[in-house]
Amino acid sequence: MALPPSAPDGLQGAARVLTGLLEARTGQLLSENRAWRMETALRPVIRAHGLKDIDDVAAELLRGRNPGLERDVVNALLNNESSFFRDLQIFDMIHKDILPRIREERADRTLRVWSAGCSTGQEAYSLAIRLQNEAARWQGWRIEILATDISTAAIEQAKSGVFSQMDVQRGLAVGDLIKWFAPHGEDWRASAELRAMIDFRHDNLFDPRAPIGQYDLILCRNVLLYFTPERRQAVLGLLARHSHAQTILLLGAGETVIGQGDDFAPHPEFRGSYGRKVALPDCAGGPMRRTA
């Protein structure tokens, strides 16, 4: 396995192999701080595959005969940090300002949202909850929420809709918990109604299969910060190809489109959001496809 030149310089041996694997498969750069904690993150993988330590993991990966190990290592090293209504002011702006604007502008009464880098799904479920709580306002609308992530483990959890007690206590109001979730053993499970609203897909932003057509609202929060500047521009180019003139893009608090190409610019009305800067050819494709 060739080691990408951007791997942290202070890492040696197995650690460099593993950070190289993550970058090669996902485009993500593992910060040196996270890299030094990788053995802790990989302990469940080491036990599950009957290995001794990360040196054993690296040696097995270099043999190239265990794709299941490679998948598990990548899943373990990805940062799947998420919470319900993360950065509440963003969801308040979506609820009070952005969605009403989309309702005014979309004559075809179709709302299309893409949560890119959705992790374990809390962001997409938070959007679904807000929309369901105002169902009367969306009467007669077709609502499509696509949520994608490169982590197979994160997408499987998102599809299940099962969250721990700690998960639901992070940002989810008690009223929404009671209304939209049911006890599931010691955990909580999102209602079938919420789960049916969201199309969760395993997908890679550098080899995308899931997004089709154009989206009115795109959330790609806390994703770009893990990429090199070149890869950030590539992702923004992808998002631009799946947007239209009125599309609103939301990034994480520490992310910006400034200096990252000519596809987006700060939105003149919605603070911290972005709109299309230049006209691009329409993206071909019809309504979002769903899979079982």
Protein backbone atom coordinates (compact mmCIF):
# COMPACT_ATOMS: atom_id res chain seq x y z
CA MET A 1 0.00 0.00 0.00
CA ALA A 2 1.52 3.31 -1.05
CA LEU A 3 1.62 5.94 1.69
CA PRO A 4 0.06 9.30 0.74
CA PRO A 5 2.60 12.10 1.18
CA SER A 6 0.24 14.07 3.43
CA ALA A 7 0.32 11.53 6.30
CA PRO A 8 1.43 13.23 9.56
CA ASP A 9 5.24 13.41 9.59
CA GLY A 10 5.57 12.31 13.22
CA LEU A 11 3.93 8.94 12.64
CA GLN A 12 5.92 5.82 11.93
CA GLY A 13 5.35 2.22 10.98
CA ALA A 14 1.83 0.88 11.49
CA ALA A 15 0.36 4.29 12.27
CA ARG A 16 1.52 5.64 8.91
CA VAL A 17 0.08 2.63 7.10
CA LEU A 18 -3.30 3.08 8.77
CA THR A 19 -3.52 6.83 8.18
CA GLY A 20 -2.50 6.17 4.58
CA LEU A 21 -5.32 3.64 4.22
CA LEU A 22 -7.87 6.13 5.53
CA GLU A 23 -6.76 8.83 3.12
CA ALA A 24 -6.60 6.45 0.17
CA ARG A 25 -10.12 5.09 0.75
CA THR A 26 -11.93 8.22 1.97
CA GLY A 27 -9.81 11.26 1.17
CA GLN A 28 -9.78 12.17 4.85
CA LEU A 29 -6.62 13.37 6.56
CA LEU A 30 -6.18 12.01 10.07
CA SER A 31 -4.92 14.79 12.32
CA GLU A 32 -1.84 13.91 14.35
CA ASN A 33 -3.86 14.28 17.55
CA ARG A 34 -6.42 11.71 16.36
CA ALA A 35 -3.72 9.51 14.89
CA TRP A 36 -2.00 9.04 18.22
CA ARG A 37 -5.31 7.70 19.63
CA MET A 38 -5.90 5.24 16.82
CA GLU A 39 -5.00 2.14 18.84
CA THR A 40 -7.85 2.91 21.25
CA ALA A 41 -10.25 3.36 18.33
CA LEU A 42 -9.09 0.08 16.79
CA ARG A 43 -9.31 -2.12 19.89
CA PRO A 44 -12.71 -3.62 18.95
CA VAL A 45 -11.40 -4.35 15.43
CA ILE A 46 -8.22 -5.94 16.79
CA ARG A 47 -10.26 -8.23 19.07
CA ALA A 48 -12.82 -9.09 16.38
CA HIS A 49 -10.13 -10.19 13.93
CA GLY A 50 -8.00 -12.07 16.47
CA LEU A 51 -5.01 -9.75 16.12
CA LYS A 52 -2.59 -8.54 18.80
CA ASP A 53 -2.02 -4.86 18.10
CA ILE A 54 -1.95 -2.25 15.35
CA ASP A 55 1.33 -3.67 14.05
CA ASP A 56 -0.55 -6.91 13.35
CA VAL A 57 -3.37 -4.91 11.75
CA ALA A 58 -0.96 -3.06 9.46
CA ALA A 59 0.83 -6.28 8.47
CA GLU A 60 -2.45 -7.98 7.61
CA LEU A 61 -3.60 -4.98 5.58
CA LEU A 62 -0.36 -4.93 3.62
CA ARG A 63 -0.92 -8.58 2.68
CA GLY A 64 -4.10 -7.41 0.96
CA ARG A 65 -6.09 -10.58 1.61
CA ASN A 66 -8.68 -9.33 4.09
CA PRO A 67 -11.14 -6.77 2.67
CA GLY A 68 -13.33 -7.13 5.76
CA LEU A 69 -10.48 -5.94 7.96
CA GLU A 70 -9.87 -2.98 5.67
CA ARG A 71 -13.55 -2.01 5.87
CA ASP A 72 -13.60 -2.32 9.67
CA VAL A 73 -10.41 -0.28 10.08
CA VAL A 74 -11.77 2.53 7.90
CA ASN A 75 -15.05 2.57 9.81
CA ALA A 76 -13.21 2.69 13.15
CA LEU A 77 -10.95 5.57 12.11
CA LEU A 78 -13.68 7.76 10.65
CA ASN A 79 -14.97 10.52 12.90
CA ASN A 80 -18.69 9.79 13.30
CA GLU A 81 -19.36 12.49 15.87
CA SER A 82 -22.94 13.72 15.58
CA SER A 83 -25.89 14.80 17.69
CA PHE A 84 -29.51 15.80 17.27
CA PHE A 85 -30.01 19.48 16.33
CA ARG A 86 -26.26 20.04 16.43
CA ASP A 87 -25.67 23.81 16.41
CA LEU A 88 -29.28 24.62 17.24
CA GLN A 89 -29.10 28.11 15.73
CA ILE A 90 -28.54 26.50 12.33
CA PHE A 91 -31.71 24.43 12.65
CA ASP A 92 -33.61 27.49 13.87
CA MET A 93 -32.48 29.37 10.74
CA ILE A 94 -33.52 26.44 8.56
CA HIS A 95 -36.90 26.30 10.29
CA LYS A 96 -37.66 30.03 10.46
CA ASP A 97 -35.97 31.41 7.34
CA ILE A 98 -34.70 28.90 4.80
CA LEU A 99 -37.62 26.47 4.57
CA PRO A 100 -40.22 29.27 4.33
CA ARG A 101 -38.20 30.74 1.45
CA ILE A 102 -38.16 27.38 -0.33
CA ARG A 103 -41.93 27.06 0.15
CA GLU A 104 -42.38 30.41 -1.56
CA GLU A 105 -40.10 29.62 -4.50
CA ARG A 106 -40.85 26.01 -5.39
CA ALA A 107 -43.89 26.07 -7.67
CA ASP A 108 -43.73 22.31 -8.15
CA ARG A 109 -44.18 21.77 -4.37
CA THR A 110 -41.12 19.55 -4.10
CA LEU A 111 -38.52 19.87 -1.37
CA ARG A 112 -35.20 18.08 -1.93
CA VAL A 113 -32.57 18.00 0.81
CA TRP A 114 -29.16 16.33 0.83
CA SER A 115 -27.29 15.66 4.07
CA ALA A 116 -23.78 14.88 2.79
CA GLY A 117 -21.56 13.22 5.37
CA CYS A 118 -24.57 12.40 7.54
CA SER A 119 -22.69 10.13 9.99
CA THR A 120 -25.15 8.13 12.13
CA GLY A 121 -28.12 10.15 10.91
CA GLN A 122 -29.01 12.58 13.67
CA GLU A 123 -28.83 15.57 11.31
CA ALA A 124 -31.26 14.01 8.84
CA TYR A 125 -33.61 12.87 11.60
CA SER A 126 -33.54 16.38 13.09
CA LEU A 127 -34.68 17.80 9.75
CA ALA A 128 -37.40 15.15 9.47
CA ILE A 129 -38.65 15.98 12.97
CA ARG A 130 -38.91 19.69 12.18
CA LEU A 131 -40.78 18.93 8.96
CA GLN A 132 -43.15 16.49 10.65
CA ASN A 133 -43.87 18.95 13.44
CA GLU A 134 -45.11 21.34 10.75
CA ALA A 135 -46.79 18.75 8.56
CA ALA A 136 -49.80 20.99 7.91
CA ARG A 137 -47.56 23.57 6.19
CA TRP A 138 -46.16 20.88 3.89
CA GLN A 139 -49.51 19.37 2.96
CA GLY A 140 -49.40 18.37 -0.70
CA TRP A 141 -45.60 18.60 -0.95
CA ARG A 142 -43.26 15.82 -2.00
CA ILE A 143 -40.35 15.78 0.45
CA GLU A 144 -37.14 13.91 -0.34
CA ILE A 145 -34.25 13.70 2.12
CA LEU A 146 -31.08 11.99 0.91
CA ALA A 147 -28.46 11.27 3.59
CA THR A 148 -25.08 9.84 2.61
CA ASP A 149 -21.89 8.82 4.38
CA ILE A 150 -18.78 6.85 3.52
CA SER A 151 -18.95 4.82 6.74
CA THR A 152 -20.90 1.60 6.22
CA ALA A 153 -21.27 1.19 9.99
CA ALA A 154 -22.67 4.70 10.42
CA ILE A 155 -25.18 4.23 7.61
CA GLU A 156 -26.37 0.91 9.03
CA GLN A 157 -27.04 2.55 12.39
CA ALA A 158 -28.76 5.50 10.70
CA LYS A 159 -31.04 3.16 8.76
CA SER A 160 -31.96 1.26 11.92
CA GLY A 161 -32.97 4.49 13.65
CA VAL A 162 -31.76 3.09 16.98
CA PHE A 163 -30.02 5.48 19.36
CA SER A 164 -28.73 5.10 22.89
CA GLN A 165 -30.05 7.01 25.88
CA MET A 166 -26.93 9.18 25.74
CA ASP A 167 -27.56 9.93 22.05
CA VAL A 168 -31.14 11.10 22.55
CA GLN A 169 -30.14 13.24 25.53
CA ARG A 170 -27.78 15.21 23.29
CA GLY A 171 -29.95 17.86 21.66
CA LEU A 172 -33.30 16.08 21.39
CA ALA A 173 -36.16 17.78 23.22
CA VAL A 174 -38.18 15.56 25.55
CA GLY A 175 -41.37 16.31 23.62
CA ASP A 176 -39.81 15.20 20.34
CA LEU A 177 -38.37 12.09 21.98
CA ILE A 178 -41.78 11.03 23.28
CA LYS A 179 -43.56 11.91 20.05
CA TRP A 180 -41.16 10.43 17.51
CA PHE A 181 -39.25 7.67 19.30
CA ALA A 182 -40.21 4.47 21.08
CA PRO A 183 -38.27 2.43 23.66
CA HIS A 184 -36.14 -0.27 22.04
CA GLY A 185 -34.65 -2.36 24.82
CA GLU A 186 -32.34 0.04 26.63
CA ASP A 187 -32.27 2.31 23.57
CA TRP A 188 -34.73 4.37 21.53
CA ARG A 189 -35.87 3.86 17.95
CA ALA A 190 -37.12 6.50 15.54
CA SER A 191 -40.67 5.97 14.36
CA ALA A 192 -41.35 4.23 11.07
CA GLU A 193 -42.78 7.53 9.82
CA LEU A 194 -39.48 9.34 10.39
CA ARG A 195 -37.39 6.50 8.97
CA ALA A 196 -39.50 6.42 5.81
CA MET A 197 -38.75 10.10 5.12
CA ILE A 198 -35.00 9.57 4.72
CA ASP A 199 -33.07 7.71 2.05
CA PHE A 200 -29.84 6.67 3.79
CA ARG A 201 -27.08 5.61 1.40
CA HIS A 202 -23.47 4.50 1.74
CA ASP A 203 -21.63 6.76 -0.70
CA ASN A 204 -18.25 8.36 -1.36
CA LEU A 205 -18.10 12.07 -2.17
CA PHE A 206 -15.17 11.36 -4.51
CA ASP A 207 -16.98 8.55 -6.34
CA PRO A 208 -20.65 9.48 -5.84
CA ARG A 209 -23.54 7.24 -6.85
CA ALA A 210 -26.42 8.39 -4.66
CA PRO A 211 -27.13 12.07 -5.46
CA ILE A 212 -29.35 12.60 -8.49
CA GLY A 213 -30.57 15.89 -9.90
CA GLN A 214 -30.58 19.10 -7.91
CA TYR A 215 -31.27 19.82 -4.24
CA ASP A 216 -32.85 22.87 -2.66
CA LEU A 217 -30.90 22.57 0.59
CA ILE A 218 -27.52 20.86 1.01
CA LEU A 219 -25.90 20.27 4.38
CA CYS A 220 -22.23 19.28 4.28
CA ARG A 221 -21.21 20.21 7.79
CA ASN A 222 -17.87 19.36 9.40
CA VAL A 223 -16.82 17.31 6.38
CA LEU A 224 -14.52 19.59 4.37
CA LEU A 225 -12.20 20.22 7.30
CA TYR A 226 -10.80 16.68 6.97
CA PHE A 227 -9.72 17.16 3.34
CA THR A 228 -6.82 18.80 1.52
CA PRO A 229 -7.61 22.10 -0.26
CA GLU A 230 -7.72 20.27 -3.60
CA ARG A 231 -10.22 17.73 -2.32
CA ARG A 232 -12.33 20.48 -0.78
CA GLN A 233 -12.64 22.12 -4.17
CA ALA A 234 -13.57 18.78 -5.70
CA VAL A 235 -16.36 18.27 -3.14
CA LEU A 236 -17.68 21.80 -3.62
CA GLY A 237 -17.69 21.17 -7.37
CA LEU A 238 -19.79 18.06 -6.78
CA LEU A 239 -22.23 19.98 -4.58
CA ALA A 240 -22.48 22.70 -7.24
CA ARG A 241 -23.36 20.14 -9.90
CA HIS A 242 -26.28 19.02 -7.73
CA SER A 243 -27.55 22.52 -6.97
CA HIS A 244 -29.56 25.17 -8.78
CA ALA A 245 -29.57 28.95 -8.68
CA GLN A 246 -31.56 29.10 -5.42
CA THR A 247 -29.87 26.19 -3.62
CA ILE A 248 -28.67 26.97 -0.11
CA LEU A 249 -25.52 25.26 1.18
CA LEU A 250 -24.69 24.93 4.86
CA LEU A 251 -21.18 24.06 6.05
CA GLY A 252 -19.75 23.59 9.54
CA ALA A 253 -18.85 26.53 11.75
CA GLY A 254 -15.14 26.15 11.00
CA GLU A 255 -15.57 25.75 7.25
CA THR A 256 -15.88 28.21 4.39
CA VAL A 257 -16.07 28.34 0.60
CA ILE A 258 -13.81 31.40 0.51
CA GLY A 259 -10.63 30.54 -1.34
CA GLN A 260 -12.07 27.16 -2.35
CA GLY A 261 -12.99 27.80 -5.97
CA ASP A 262 -15.73 29.73 -7.75
CA ASP A 263 -18.80 27.55 -7.24
CA PHE A 264 -20.31 29.16 -4.11
CA ALA A 265 -20.28 32.51 -2.33
CA PRO A 266 -21.66 33.69 1.04
CA HIS A 267 -25.43 33.99 0.87
CA PRO A 268 -26.62 37.62 1.03
CA GLU A 269 -29.53 36.86 3.39
CA PHE A 270 -28.84 33.77 5.47
CA ARG A 271 -25.85 34.20 7.74
CA GLY A 272 -23.31 31.41 7.58
CA SER A 273 -24.85 29.87 4.47
CA TYR A 274 -23.79 29.87 0.84
CA GLY A 275 -25.40 30.17 -2.58
CA ARG A 276 -24.34 29.49 -6.14
CA LYS A 277 -21.78 31.99 -7.38
CA VAL A 278 -21.68 31.14 -11.07
CA ALA A 279 -24.09 29.46 -13.44
CA LEU A 280 -23.22 25.84 -14.15
CA PRO A 281 -24.90 23.36 -16.49
CA ASP A 282 -27.91 21.69 -14.99
CA CYS A 283 -27.23 18.28 -13.51
CA ALA A 284 -29.02 15.57 -15.43
CA GLY A 285 -31.35 13.27 -13.58
CA GLY A 286 -34.86 12.98 -12.32
CA PRO A 287 -36.38 12.33 -8.92
CA MET A 288 -34.28 10.62 -6.29
CA ARG A 289 -34.27 6.85 -6.56
CA ARG A 290 -35.02 4.76 -3.51
CA THR A 291 -33.68 1.32 -2.71
CA ALA A 292 -34.94 -1.30 -0.33
